Amino acid sequence: MAITQTWMYVGKARSLPARLTRHQVHLEKNRLLRDWLHRPGERQLYYAEVELDMLDQVERDLISQLQPRCNRMRYVQRAL
């Protein structure tokens, strides 16, 4: 995973096509994400297949580690 990227959003989905549809600019309710999506420019999408019972944990861990700018939820990174 590209750690040196500026991460904008981390989310989970059971259906990636359905989730992407909900993030269209005119439908997006998250103001920070909507404003970013509205700006011109190229975006990169990374995804990973995760077992359903691990979705919540993986999402929390990624948000904690990457601190994406447009996520409303924040999680404290745990020390190992």
Protein backbone atom coordinates (compact mmCIF):
# COMPACT_ATOMS: atom_id res chain seq x y z
CA MET A 1 0.00 0.00 0.00
CA ALA A 2 1.23 3.49 -0.85
CA ILE A 3 1.92 4.94 2.59
CA THR A 4 3.51 8.15 1.25
CA GLN A 5 0.26 9.16 -0.46
CA THR A 6 -2.00 11.83 0.98
CA TRP A 7 -4.98 9.70 1.90
CA MET A 8 -8.33 11.39 1.53
CA TYR A 9 -10.88 8.75 2.52
CA VAL A 10 -11.09 5.20 3.85
CA GLY A 11 -14.37 3.33 3.78
CA LYS A 12 -15.78 -0.15 3.81
CA ALA A 13 -18.24 -1.75 1.44
CA ARG A 14 -19.88 -5.07 0.83
CA SER A 15 -20.46 -3.98 -2.77
CA LEU A 16 -17.80 -1.68 -4.23
CA PRO A 17 -19.91 -0.55 -7.24
CA ALA A 18 -22.81 0.39 -4.94
CA ARG A 19 -20.48 2.23 -2.55
CA LEU A 20 -18.85 4.22 -5.35
CA THR A 21 -22.28 5.22 -6.63
CA ARG A 22 -23.08 6.75 -3.23
CA HIS A 23 -19.92 8.89 -3.44
CA GLN A 24 -20.98 10.83 -6.52
CA VAL A 25 -20.52 14.57 -5.99
CA HIS A 26 -24.23 15.43 -6.17
CA LEU A 27 -25.12 12.67 -3.66
CA GLU A 28 -22.23 13.00 -1.18
CA LYS A 29 -23.28 14.20 2.29
CA ASN A 30 -19.76 14.49 3.74
CA ARG A 31 -18.87 18.12 2.92
CA LEU A 32 -15.09 17.60 2.98
CA LEU A 33 -15.30 14.60 0.69
CA ARG A 34 -17.82 16.31 -1.61
CA ASP A 35 -15.60 19.37 -1.95
CA TRP A 36 -12.58 17.19 -2.73
CA LEU A 37 -14.50 15.12 -5.27
CA HIS A 38 -15.72 18.31 -6.94
CA ARG A 39 -12.17 19.63 -7.52
CA PRO A 40 -10.67 18.85 -10.91
CA GLY A 41 -7.86 16.32 -11.02
CA GLU A 42 -7.06 12.68 -11.09
CA ARG A 43 -7.89 10.34 -8.22
CA GLN A 44 -6.57 6.90 -7.42
CA LEU A 45 -8.65 4.16 -5.85
CA TYR A 46 -7.14 1.36 -3.82
CA TYR A 47 -9.16 -1.54 -2.55
CA ALA A 48 -8.61 -4.80 -0.74
CA GLU A 49 -10.79 -7.86 -0.41
CA VAL A 50 -11.44 -8.49 3.27
CA GLU A 51 -13.47 -11.14 5.06
CA LEU A 52 -16.88 -9.75 6.07
CA ASP A 53 -16.25 -10.34 9.77
CA MET A 54 -13.07 -8.22 9.54
CA LEU A 55 -14.51 -5.19 7.68
CA ASP A 56 -15.01 -2.99 10.74
CA GLN A 57 -11.60 -3.78 12.23
CA VAL A 58 -9.73 -3.24 8.98
CA GLU A 59 -11.51 0.06 8.38
CA ARG A 60 -10.68 1.29 11.91
CA ASP A 61 -7.04 0.21 11.56
CA LEU A 62 -6.61 1.93 8.20
CA ILE A 63 -8.22 5.15 9.42
CA SER A 64 -6.01 5.06 12.51
CA GLN A 65 -2.81 4.47 10.54
CA LEU A 66 -3.45 6.64 7.48
CA GLN A 67 -5.45 9.51 9.06
CA PRO A 68 -7.35 10.30 5.82
CA ARG A 69 -8.35 13.95 5.52
CA CYS A 70 -12.02 13.46 4.62
CA ASN A 71 -13.03 10.80 7.12
CA ARG A 72 -15.26 12.17 9.86
CA MET A 73 -14.34 9.34 12.24
CA ARG A 74 -10.89 9.39 13.81
CA TYR A 75 -9.28 6.53 15.68
CA VAL A 76 -6.21 6.68 17.89
CA GLN A 77 -3.32 4.62 16.62
CA ARG A 78 -2.50 1.85 19.06
CA ALA A 79 1.10 1.20 20.06
CA LEU A 80 2.32 -2.33 19.44
